[in-house]
């Protein structure tokens, strides 16, 4: 298992991961990665590779108008890799990358629905604290849950 910066050649495999996880529509991935791949943004994209195949990613960027606050905007793993510590390793590596960039705080937003209970438990286990909840944010009955972690 290797965690490295995402490359253009990873896109097809990562689209398959997105299709399996329904995190967001996979057709969006190329456009989302463009600025990072071209070196035009401060975004960070890490890919988890196993046996030469990209099977997960983590995406983060600095929050505008803050002092060293970052947001993890996406974390996705092939369902076959979930539950074995790969997501935790990917998250820890992203945290290290953010800290190397001078980051001091990380924010993660997720859903408050039952379908995202495992996601919320994952972030709690990784040392994130539920900091805020905005009712009906994503949709009626779907709260936005914000997690927070300090790196310093």
Protein backbone atom coordinates (compact mmCIF):
# COMPACT_ATOMS: atom_id res chain seq x y z
CA UNK A 1 0.00 0.00 0.00
CA UNK A 2 1.36 3.39 -1.02
CA UNK A 3 -0.02 6.88 -0.42
CA UNK A 4 1.18 9.48 -2.89
CA UNK A 5 0.09 12.60 -4.71
CA UNK A 6 -2.70 11.97 -7.19
CA UNK A 7 -1.68 11.74 -10.85
CA UNK A 8 -3.66 12.14 -14.05
CA UNK A 9 -3.34 8.40 -14.68
CA UNK A 10 -5.33 7.73 -11.48
CA UNK A 11 -8.51 9.38 -12.70
CA UNK A 12 -10.14 6.35 -14.36
CA UNK A 13 -9.63 4.11 -11.31
CA UNK A 14 -10.75 6.84 -8.90
CA UNK A 15 -13.90 7.37 -10.96
CA UNK A 16 -14.68 3.69 -10.34
CA UNK A 17 -14.19 4.25 -6.60
CA UNK A 18 -16.63 7.17 -6.76
CA UNK A 19 -19.17 5.10 -8.69
CA UNK A 20 -18.98 2.44 -5.95
CA UNK A 21 -19.26 4.87 -3.05
CA UNK A 22 -21.67 7.53 -4.38
CA UNK A 23 -19.66 10.27 -2.65
CA UNK A 24 -20.25 12.58 -5.63
CA UNK A 25 -20.77 12.03 -9.36
CA UNK A 26 -17.58 10.62 -10.89
CA UNK A 27 -17.81 12.82 -13.99
CA UNK A 28 -16.86 15.78 -11.76
CA UNK A 29 -13.48 14.33 -10.78
CA UNK A 30 -11.42 15.50 -13.77
CA UNK A 31 -12.48 19.12 -13.37
CA UNK A 32 -11.93 18.98 -9.62
CA UNK A 33 -8.38 17.68 -10.08
CA UNK A 34 -7.39 20.03 -12.92
CA UNK A 35 -6.02 22.88 -10.79
CA UNK A 36 -4.00 20.52 -8.61
CA UNK A 37 -2.58 18.60 -11.56
CA UNK A 38 -1.68 21.85 -13.33
CA UNK A 39 -0.10 23.30 -10.17
CA UNK A 40 -2.54 26.21 -10.18
CA UNK A 41 -4.10 25.69 -6.74
CA UNK A 42 -3.04 25.00 -3.16
CA UNK A 43 -5.33 21.95 -3.12
CA UNK A 44 -3.89 18.66 -1.93
CA UNK A 45 -4.92 15.35 -3.49
CA UNK A 46 -3.54 12.08 -2.15
CA UNK A 47 -4.16 8.67 -3.69
CA UNK A 48 -4.03 5.30 -2.01
CA UNK A 49 -2.50 2.76 -4.37
CA UNK A 50 -2.49 -1.01 -3.84
CA UNK A 51 -0.73 -3.35 -6.28
CA UNK A 52 -0.46 -0.60 -8.88
CA UNK A 53 -4.13 0.40 -8.76
CA UNK A 54 -5.54 3.61 -7.30
CA UNK A 55 -8.23 2.54 -4.85
CA UNK A 56 -8.88 5.66 -2.78
CA UNK A 57 -8.19 9.34 -2.38
CA UNK A 58 -8.33 12.26 0.02
CA UNK A 59 -8.83 15.86 -1.10
CA UNK A 60 -8.23 18.98 1.00
CA UNK A 61 -7.72 22.69 0.51
CA UNK A 62 -6.97 25.76 2.61
CA UNK A 63 -9.97 27.73 3.79
CA UNK A 64 -9.99 31.24 2.37
CA UNK A 65 -9.82 34.17 4.74
CA UNK A 66 -8.47 32.06 7.63
CA UNK A 67 -5.10 31.61 9.25
CA UNK A 68 -3.89 28.10 8.40
CA UNK A 69 -7.30 26.39 8.51
CA UNK A 70 -7.87 23.59 5.99
CA UNK A 71 -10.89 21.52 5.00
CA UNK A 72 -10.89 17.89 4.03
CA UNK A 73 -13.51 17.94 1.31
CA UNK A 74 -13.52 14.31 0.21
CA UNK A 75 -12.29 10.94 1.37
CA UNK A 76 -13.24 7.88 -0.66
CA UNK A 77 -12.07 4.28 -0.63
CA UNK A 78 -12.96 1.24 -2.66
CA UNK A 79 -15.55 -0.50 -0.44
CA UNK A 80 -13.32 -3.62 -0.36
CA UNK A 81 -10.63 -1.50 1.39
CA UNK A 82 -12.94 0.04 3.98
CA UNK A 83 -12.68 -1.06 7.59
CA UNK A 84 -9.06 -2.24 7.48
CA UNK A 85 -7.26 0.97 8.48
CA UNK A 86 -6.54 2.24 4.95
CA UNK A 87 -8.80 5.28 5.42
CA UNK A 88 -7.13 6.11 8.71
CA UNK A 89 -3.68 5.93 7.08
CA UNK A 90 -4.84 8.12 4.22
CA UNK A 91 -6.28 10.66 6.66
CA UNK A 92 -3.12 10.71 8.80
CA UNK A 93 -1.01 11.27 5.68
CA UNK A 94 -3.26 14.15 4.63
CA UNK A 95 -2.96 15.64 8.11
CA UNK A 96 0.85 15.42 7.84
CA UNK A 97 0.77 17.09 4.41
CA UNK A 98 -1.45 19.88 5.72
CA UNK A 99 0.83 20.39 8.71
CA UNK A 100 3.84 20.56 6.36
CA UNK A 101 1.98 23.35 4.51
CA UNK A 102 1.65 25.27 7.79
CA UNK A 103 -1.90 24.15 8.58
CA UNK A 104 -3.02 24.22 12.19
CA UNK A 105 -6.73 23.29 12.07
CA UNK A 106 -8.68 20.87 9.88
CA UNK A 107 -12.44 21.00 9.30
CA UNK A 108 -14.52 18.16 7.85
CA UNK A 109 -18.20 18.50 6.92
CA UNK A 110 -20.47 15.51 6.58
CA UNK A 111 -24.11 14.54 6.74
CA UNK A 112 -26.10 13.96 9.90
CA UNK A 113 -28.22 11.17 8.37
CA UNK A 114 -28.12 7.57 9.50
CA UNK A 115 -26.42 6.66 6.22
CA UNK A 116 -23.37 8.67 7.36
CA UNK A 117 -23.18 7.30 10.92
CA UNK A 118 -20.07 5.25 10.03
CA UNK A 119 -18.46 8.33 8.50
CA UNK A 120 -19.04 10.35 11.66
CA UNK A 121 -17.72 7.48 13.81
CA UNK A 122 -14.63 7.27 11.57
CA UNK A 123 -13.77 10.94 12.13
CA UNK A 124 -14.41 10.70 15.87
CA UNK A 125 -12.07 7.70 16.07
CA UNK A 126 -9.47 9.69 14.09
CA UNK A 127 -9.47 12.39 16.78
CA UNK A 128 -11.93 14.87 15.29
CA UNK A 129 -14.51 16.54 17.50
CA UNK A 130 -18.05 17.36 16.41
CA UNK A 131 -17.92 21.14 16.55
CA UNK A 132 -21.19 22.23 14.94
CA UNK A 133 -24.44 20.98 13.48
CA UNK A 134 -26.60 23.00 11.11
CA UNK A 135 -30.09 21.56 10.87
CA UNK A 136 -31.58 20.81 7.45
CA UNK A 137 -28.46 22.14 5.69
CA UNK A 138 -28.05 19.60 2.85
CA UNK A 139 -31.79 18.93 2.61
CA UNK A 140 -34.79 18.75 4.89
CA UNK A 141 -33.85 16.26 7.60
CA UNK A 142 -30.17 16.19 6.54
CA UNK A 143 -28.00 18.18 8.92
CA UNK A 144 -24.50 19.41 8.15
CA UNK A 145 -22.17 18.06 10.83
CA UNK A 146 -18.80 19.83 11.12
CA UNK A 147 -15.84 18.11 12.72
CA UNK A 148 -12.70 19.90 13.94
CA UNK A 149 -9.15 18.85 14.71
CA UNK A 150 -6.11 20.86 15.69
CA UNK A 151 -2.68 19.89 14.41
CA UNK A 152 -0.63 22.02 16.79
